[in-house]
Amino acid sequence: MSTQNFDVVGLTCGHCASAVTEELSALDGVSGVTVDLVAGGTSAVSVETSRELTPAEVAAALDEAGDYSLAT
């Protein structure tokens, strides 16, 4: 099990964090997601997973959750 960290933009509230958590949790190998919400800023998202997630997988999950994206 390893932890991957991602910087995510677009989250503004707890509902946003829940949507992101739900979509990332649905990815194969993911056992846990923690969101450190920074409303209107760059939120830190930690994902516990049994395999390496690609940035494309994470970006697709964020898009599915709402208008969120990886920070560049």
PDB file of N, CA and C in Angstrom:
ATOM      1  N   MET A   1       0.856  -1.183   0.000  1.00  0.00           N
ATOM      2  CA  MET A   1       0.000   0.000   0.000  1.00  0.00           C
ATOM      3  C   MET A   1       0.892   1.232   0.000  1.00  0.00           C
ATOM      4  N   SER A   2       0.545   2.188  -0.821  1.00  0.00           N
ATOM      5  CA  SER A   2       1.301   3.434  -0.864  1.00  0.00           C
ATOM      6  C   SER A   2       0.339   4.611  -0.887  1.00  0.00           C
ATOM      7  N   THR A   3       0.872   5.783  -0.620  1.00  0.00           N
ATOM      8  CA  THR A   3       0.072   7.006  -0.639  1.00  0.00           C
ATOM      9  C   THR A   3       0.588   7.909  -1.748  1.00  0.00           C
ATOM     10  N   GLN A   4      -0.330   8.382  -2.571  1.00  0.00           N
ATOM     11  CA  GLN A   4      -0.009   9.360  -3.605  1.00  0.00           C
ATOM     12  C   GLN A   4      -0.695  10.668  -3.238  1.00  0.00           C
ATOM     13  N   ASN A   5      -0.004  11.764  -3.474  1.00  0.00           N
ATOM     14  CA  ASN A   5      -0.539  13.084  -3.152  1.00  0.00           C
ATOM     15  C   ASN A   5      -0.746  13.885  -4.426  1.00  0.00           C
ATOM     16  N   PHE A   6      -1.875  14.589  -4.478  1.00  0.00           N
ATOM     17  CA  PHE A   6      -2.227  15.392  -5.635  1.00  0.00           C
ATOM     18  C   PHE A   6      -2.700  16.763  -5.173  1.00  0.00           C
ATOM     19  N   ASP A   7      -2.340  17.792  -5.917  1.00  0.00           N
ATOM     20  CA  ASP A   7      -2.850  19.140  -5.680  1.00  0.00           C
ATOM     21  C   ASP A   7      -4.023  19.354  -6.629  1.00  0.00           C
ATOM     22  N   VAL A   8      -5.171  19.708  -6.053  1.00  0.00           N
ATOM     23  CA  VAL A   8      -6.403  19.816  -6.831  1.00  0.00           C
ATOM     24  C   VAL A   8      -6.983  21.213  -6.673  1.00  0.00           C
ATOM     25  N   VAL A   9      -7.442  21.787  -7.775  1.00  0.00           N
ATOM     26  CA  VAL A   9      -8.072  23.110  -7.747  1.00  0.00           C
ATOM     27  C   VAL A   9      -9.552  22.988  -8.112  1.00  0.00           C
ATOM     28  N   GLY A  10     -10.327  23.948  -7.614  1.00  0.00           N
ATOM     29  CA  GLY A  10     -11.741  24.009  -7.951  1.00  0.00           C
ATOM     30  C   GLY A  10     -12.672  23.626  -6.814  1.00  0.00           C
ATOM     31  N   LEU A  11     -12.145  23.058  -5.739  1.00  0.00           N
ATOM     32  CA  LEU A  11     -12.994  22.673  -4.619  1.00  0.00           C
ATOM     33  C   LEU A  11     -13.335  23.912  -3.791  1.00  0.00           C
ATOM     34  N   THR A  12     -14.599  24.035  -3.419  1.00  0.00           N
ATOM     35  CA  THR A  12     -15.019  25.202  -2.650  1.00  0.00           C
ATOM     36  C   THR A  12     -15.731  24.858  -1.345  1.00  0.00           C
ATOM     37  N   CYS A  13     -16.113  23.572  -1.162  1.00  0.00           N
ATOM     38  CA  CYS A  13     -16.899  23.224   0.023  1.00  0.00           C
ATOM     39  C   CYS A  13     -16.794  21.732   0.338  1.00  0.00           C
ATOM     40  N   GLY A  14     -17.440  21.334   1.406  1.00  0.00           N
ATOM     41  CA  GLY A  14     -17.452  19.943   1.809  1.00  0.00           C
ATOM     42  C   GLY A  14     -18.100  19.031   0.781  1.00  0.00           C
ATOM     43  N   HIS A  15     -19.118  19.528   0.093  1.00  0.00           N
ATOM     44  CA  HIS A  15     -19.768  18.725  -0.947  1.00  0.00           C
ATOM     45  C   HIS A  15     -18.772  18.410  -2.056  1.00  0.00           C
ATOM     46  N   CYS A  16     -17.953  19.385  -2.423  1.00  0.00           N
ATOM     47  CA  CYS A  16     -16.913  19.170  -3.442  1.00  0.00           C
ATOM     48  C   CYS A  16     -15.949  18.077  -2.980  1.00  0.00           C
ATOM     49  N   ALA A  17     -15.509  18.175  -1.735  1.00  0.00           N
ATOM     50  CA  ALA A  17     -14.578  17.191  -1.188  1.00  0.00           C
ATOM     51  C   ALA A  17     -15.201  15.802  -1.193  1.00  0.00           C
ATOM     52  N   SER A  18     -16.482  15.713  -0.869  1.00  0.00           N
ATOM     53  CA  SER A  18     -17.174  14.419  -0.876  1.00  0.00           C
ATOM     54  C   SER A  18     -17.268  13.841  -2.283  1.00  0.00           C
ATOM     55  N   ALA A  19     -17.559  14.684  -3.261  1.00  0.00           N
ATOM     56  CA  ALA A  19     -17.666  14.220  -4.649  1.00  0.00           C
ATOM     57  C   ALA A  19     -16.319  13.698  -5.148  1.00  0.00           C
ATOM     58  N   VAL A  20     -15.250  14.417  -4.846  1.00  0.00           N
ATOM     59  CA  VAL A  20     -13.909  13.992  -5.249  1.00  0.00           C
ATOM     60  C   VAL A  20     -13.539  12.682  -4.553  1.00  0.00           C
ATOM     61  N   THR A  21     -13.832  12.603  -3.255  1.00  0.00           N
ATOM     62  CA  THR A  21     -13.543  11.383  -2.495  1.00  0.00           C
ATOM     63  C   THR A  21     -14.271  10.191  -3.097  1.00  0.00           C
ATOM     64  N   GLU A  22     -15.538  10.363  -3.429  1.00  0.00           N
ATOM     65  CA  GLU A  22     -16.342   9.274  -3.997  1.00  0.00           C
ATOM     66  C   GLU A  22     -15.769   8.786  -5.331  1.00  0.00           C
ATOM     67  N   GLU A  23     -15.431   9.710  -6.215  1.00  0.00           N
ATOM     68  CA  GLU A  23     -14.929   9.317  -7.541  1.00  0.00           C
ATOM     69  C   GLU A  23     -13.542   8.676  -7.462  1.00  0.00           C
ATOM     70  N   LEU A  24     -12.672   9.231  -6.638  1.00  0.00           N
ATOM     71  CA  LEU A  24     -11.336   8.637  -6.507  1.00  0.00           C
ATOM     72  C   LEU A  24     -11.402   7.277  -5.815  1.00  0.00           C
ATOM     73  N   SER A  25     -12.305   7.123  -4.863  1.00  0.00           N
ATOM     74  CA  SER A  25     -12.459   5.845  -4.162  1.00  0.00           C
ATOM     75  C   SER A  25     -12.925   4.732  -5.087  1.00  0.00           C
ATOM     76  N   ALA A  26     -13.600   5.104  -6.176  1.00  0.00           N
ATOM     77  CA  ALA A  26     -14.105   4.118  -7.127  1.00  0.00           C
ATOM     78  C   ALA A  26     -13.011   3.561  -8.043  1.00  0.00           C
ATOM     79  N   LEU A  27     -11.838   4.199  -8.052  1.00  0.00           N
ATOM     80  CA  LEU A  27     -10.756   3.715  -8.906  1.00  0.00           C
ATOM     81  C   LEU A  27     -10.198   2.403  -8.361  1.00  0.00           C
ATOM     82  N   ASP A  28      -9.820   1.520  -9.264  1.00  0.00           N
ATOM     83  CA  ASP A  28      -9.272   0.212  -8.899  1.00  0.00           C
ATOM     84  C   ASP A  28      -8.017   0.379  -8.038  1.00  0.00           C
ATOM     85  N   GLY A  29      -7.990  -0.317  -6.905  1.00  0.00           N
ATOM     86  CA  GLY A  29      -6.828  -0.305  -6.029  1.00  0.00           C
ATOM     87  C   GLY A  29      -6.853   0.737  -4.938  1.00  0.00           C
ATOM     88  N   VAL A  30      -7.807   1.670  -4.980  1.00  0.00           N
ATOM     89  CA  VAL A  30      -7.859   2.744  -3.986  1.00  0.00           C
ATOM     90  C   VAL A  30      -8.579   2.255  -2.728  1.00  0.00           C
ATOM     91  N   SER A  31      -7.917   2.437  -1.577  1.00  0.00           N
ATOM     92  CA  SER A  31      -8.517   2.008  -0.314  1.00  0.00           C
ATOM     93  C   SER A  31      -8.865   3.173   0.601  1.00  0.00           C
ATOM     94  N   GLY A  32      -8.394   4.370   0.265  1.00  0.00           N
ATOM     95  CA  GLY A  32      -8.713   5.515   1.101  1.00  0.00           C
ATOM     96  C   GLY A  32      -8.362   6.824   0.423  1.00  0.00           C
ATOM     97  N   VAL A  33      -9.141   7.855   0.730  1.00  0.00           N
ATOM     98  CA  VAL A  33      -8.912   9.189   0.173  1.00  0.00           C
ATOM     99  C   VAL A  33      -9.093  10.208   1.296  1.00  0.00           C
ATOM    100  N   THR A  34      -8.146  11.145   1.381  1.00  0.00           N
ATOM    101  CA  THR A  34      -8.235  12.234   2.353  1.00  0.00           C
ATOM    102  C   THR A  34      -8.093  13.543   1.608  1.00  0.00           C
ATOM    103  N   VAL A  35      -9.019  14.472   1.861  1.00  0.00           N
ATOM    104  CA  VAL A  35      -8.979  15.780   1.215  1.00  0.00           C
ATOM    105  C   VAL A  35      -8.750  16.843   2.278  1.00  0.00           C
ATOM    106  N   ASP A  36      -7.688  17.634   2.101  1.00  0.00           N
ATOM    107  CA  ASP A  36      -7.426  18.793   2.947  1.00  0.00           C
ATOM    108  C   ASP A  36      -7.933  19.998   2.166  1.00  0.00           C
ATOM    109  N   LEU A  37      -9.195  20.352   2.406  1.00  0.00           N
ATOM    110  CA  LEU A  37      -9.896  21.375   1.631  1.00  0.00           C
ATOM    111  C   LEU A  37      -9.351  22.778   1.883  1.00  0.00           C
ATOM    112  N   VAL A  38      -9.021  23.452   0.792  1.00  0.00           N
ATOM    113  CA  VAL A  38      -8.668  24.871   0.817  1.00  0.00           C
ATOM    114  C   VAL A  38      -9.640  25.528  -0.153  1.00  0.00           C
ATOM    115  N   ALA A  39     -10.757  26.016   0.389  1.00  0.00           N
ATOM    116  CA  ALA A  39     -11.822  26.565  -0.441  1.00  0.00           C
ATOM    117  C   ALA A  39     -11.309  27.668  -1.353  1.00  0.00           C
ATOM    118  N   GLY A  40     -11.507  27.472  -2.657  1.00  0.00           N
ATOM    119  CA  GLY A  40     -11.096  28.454  -3.629  1.00  0.00           C
ATOM    120  C   GLY A  40      -9.609  28.471  -3.927  1.00  0.00           C
ATOM    121  N   GLY A  41      -8.860  27.569  -3.295  1.00  0.00           N
ATOM    122  CA  GLY A  41      -7.413  27.511  -3.506  1.00  0.00           C
ATOM    123  C   GLY A  41      -7.004  26.135  -4.008  1.00  0.00           C
ATOM    124  N   THR A  42      -5.824  25.722  -3.639  1.00  0.00           N
ATOM    125  CA  THR A  42      -5.313  24.416  -4.035  1.00  0.00           C
ATOM    126  C   THR A  42      -5.435  23.454  -2.850  1.00  0.00           C
ATOM    127  N   SER A  43      -6.280  22.453  -3.005  1.00  0.00           N
ATOM    128  CA  SER A  43      -6.512  21.473  -1.952  1.00  0.00           C
ATOM    129  C   SER A  43      -5.555  20.295  -2.115  1.00  0.00           C
ATOM    130  N   ALA A  44      -5.109  19.746  -1.002  1.00  0.00           N
ATOM    131  CA  ALA A  44      -4.232  18.580  -1.015  1.00  0.00           C
ATOM    132  C   ALA A  44      -5.087  17.328  -0.894  1.00  0.00           C
ATOM    133  N   VAL A  45      -4.903  16.401  -1.828  1.00  0.00           N
ATOM    134  CA  VAL A  45      -5.661  15.152  -1.826  1.00  0.00           C
ATOM    135  C   VAL A  45      -4.664  14.001  -1.719  1.00  0.00           C
ATOM    136  N   SER A  46      -4.833  13.174  -0.690  1.00  0.00           N
ATOM    137  CA  SER A  46      -3.990  11.997  -0.489  1.00  0.00           C
ATOM    138  C   SER A  46      -4.805  10.756  -0.802  1.00  0.00           C
ATOM    139  N   VAL A  47      -4.219   9.854  -1.583  1.00  0.00           N
ATOM    140  CA  VAL A  47      -4.910   8.636  -2.001  1.00  0.00           C
ATOM    141  C   VAL A  47      -4.075   7.431  -1.590  1.00  0.00           C
ATOM    142  N   GLU A  48      -4.671   6.552  -0.772  1.00  0.00           N
ATOM    143  CA  GLU A  48      -4.018   5.290  -0.412  1.00  0.00           C
ATOM    144  C   GLU A  48      -4.409   4.275  -1.468  1.00  0.00           C
ATOM    145  N   THR A  49      -3.402   3.647  -2.071  1.00  0.00           N
ATOM    146  CA  THR A  49      -3.681   2.747  -3.176  1.00  0.00           C
ATOM    147  C   THR A  49      -2.671   1.608  -3.232  1.00  0.00           C
ATOM    148  N   SER A  50      -3.106   0.511  -3.813  1.00  0.00           N
ATOM    149  CA  SER A  50      -2.233  -0.656  -3.949  1.00  0.00           C
ATOM    150  C   SER A  50      -1.460  -0.634  -5.260  1.00  0.00           C
ATOM    151  N   ARG A  51      -1.722   0.378  -6.092  1.00  0.00           N
ATOM    152  CA  ARG A  51      -1.016   0.503  -7.368  1.00  0.00           C
ATOM    153  C   ARG A  51      -0.830   1.980  -7.684  1.00  0.00           C
ATOM    154  N   GLU A  52       0.073   2.267  -8.601  1.00  0.00           N
ATOM    155  CA  GLU A  52       0.334   3.647  -9.007  1.00  0.00           C
ATOM    156  C   GLU A  52      -0.806   4.160  -9.883  1.00  0.00           C
ATOM    157  N   LEU A  53      -1.406   5.280  -9.492  1.00  0.00           N
ATOM    158  CA  LEU A  53      -2.437   5.910 -10.303  1.00  0.00           C
ATOM    159  C   LEU A  53      -1.766   6.855 -11.295  1.00  0.00           C
ATOM    160  N   THR A  54      -2.271   6.878 -12.513  1.00  0.00           N
ATOM    161  CA  THR A  54      -1.728   7.800 -13.505  1.00  0.00           C
ATOM    162  C   THR A  54      -2.415   9.155 -13.360  1.00  0.00           C
ATOM    163  N   PRO A  55      -1.737  10.224 -13.749  1.00  0.00           N
ATOM    164  CA  PRO A  55      -2.377  11.542 -13.716  1.00  0.00           C
ATOM    165  C   PRO A  55      -3.656  11.571 -14.565  1.00  0.00           C
ATOM    166  N   ALA A  56      -3.672  10.828 -15.675  1.00  0.00           N
ATOM    167  CA  ALA A  56      -4.866  10.791 -16.530  1.00  0.00           C
ATOM    168  C   ALA A  56      -6.044  10.161 -15.800  1.00  0.00           C
ATOM    169  N   GLU A  57      -5.809   9.103 -15.034  1.00  0.00           N
ATOM    170  CA  GLU A  57      -6.886   8.462 -14.255  1.00  0.00           C
ATOM    171  C   GLU A  57      -7.448   9.426 -13.222  1.00  0.00           C
ATOM    172  N   VAL A  58      -6.544  10.102 -12.531  1.00  0.00           N
ATOM    173  CA  VAL A  58      -6.970  11.035 -11.490  1.00  0.00           C
ATOM    174  C   VAL A  58      -7.726  12.202 -12.114  1.00  0.00           C
ATOM    175  N   ALA A  59      -7.213  12.738 -13.220  1.00  0.00           N
ATOM    176  CA  ALA A  59      -7.880  13.855 -13.901  1.00  0.00           C
ATOM    177  C   ALA A  59      -9.278  13.461 -14.365  1.00  0.00           C
ATOM    178  N   ALA A  60      -9.432  12.240 -14.885  1.00  0.00           N
ATOM    179  CA  ALA A  60     -10.742  11.777 -15.339  1.00  0.00           C
ATOM    180  C   ALA A  60     -11.709  11.649 -14.168  1.00  0.00           C
ATOM    181  N   ALA A  61     -11.234  11.151 -13.028  1.00  0.00           N
ATOM    182  CA  ALA A  61     -12.087  11.029 -11.842  1.00  0.00           C
ATOM    183  C   ALA A  61     -12.501  12.406 -11.336  1.00  0.00           C
ATOM    184  N   LEU A  62     -11.565  13.354 -11.353  1.00  0.00           N
ATOM    185  CA  LEU A  62     -11.883  14.722 -10.914  1.00  0.00           C
ATOM    186  C   LEU A  62     -12.908  15.361 -11.829  1.00  0.00           C
ATOM    187  N   ASP A  63     -12.775  15.127 -13.122  1.00  0.00           N
ATOM    188  CA  ASP A  63     -13.730  15.666 -14.092  1.00  0.00           C
ATOM    189  C   ASP A  63     -15.118  15.060 -13.875  1.00  0.00           C
ATOM    190  N   GLU A  64     -15.152  13.782 -13.579  1.00  0.00           N
ATOM    191  CA  GLU A  64     -16.429  13.089 -13.318  1.00  0.00           C
ATOM    192  C   GLU A  64     -17.088  13.652 -12.047  1.00  0.00           C
ATOM    193  N   ALA A  65     -16.274  14.023 -11.077  1.00  0.00           N
ATOM    194  CA  ALA A  65     -16.801  14.534  -9.812  1.00  0.00           C
ATOM    195  C   ALA A  65     -17.371  15.946  -9.948  1.00  0.00           C
ATOM    196  N   GLY A  66     -16.861  16.700 -10.909  1.00  0.00           N
ATOM    197  CA  GLY A  66     -17.313  18.083 -11.076  1.00  0.00           C
ATOM    198  C   GLY A  66     -16.274  18.886 -11.828  1.00  0.00           C
ATOM    199  N   ASP A  67     -16.274  20.166 -11.619  1.00  0.00           N
ATOM    200  CA  ASP A  67     -15.358  21.065 -12.322  1.00  0.00           C
ATOM    201  C   ASP A  67     -14.057  21.224 -11.519  1.00  0.00           C
ATOM    202  N   TYR A  68     -13.339  20.110 -11.342  1.00  0.00           N
ATOM    203  CA  TYR A  68     -12.114  20.074 -10.569  1.00  0.00           C
ATOM    204  C   TYR A  68     -10.993  19.576 -11.464  1.00  0.00           C
ATOM    205  N   SER A  69      -9.772  19.992 -11.159  1.00  0.00           N
ATOM    206  CA  SER A  69      -8.637  19.549 -11.963  1.00  0.00           C
ATOM    207  C   SER A  69      -7.363  19.522 -11.140  1.00  0.00           C
ATOM    208  N   LEU A  70      -6.377  18.805 -11.670  1.00  0.00           N
ATOM    209  CA  LEU A  70      -5.065  18.786 -11.045  1.00  0.00           C
ATOM    210  C   LEU A  70      -4.419  20.163 -11.213  1.00  0.00           C
ATOM    211  N   ALA A  71      -3.762  20.625 -10.167  1.00  0.00           N
ATOM    212  CA  ALA A  71      -3.049  21.900 -10.262  1.00  0.00           C
ATOM    213  C   ALA A  71      -1.857  21.739 -11.187  1.00  0.00           C
ATOM    214  N   THR A  72      -1.581  22.765 -11.955  1.00  0.00           N
ATOM    215  CA  THR A  72      -0.441  22.694 -12.872  1.00  0.00           C
ATOM    216  C   THR A  72       0.723  23.500 -12.357  1.00  0.00           C
TER     217      THR A  72
END
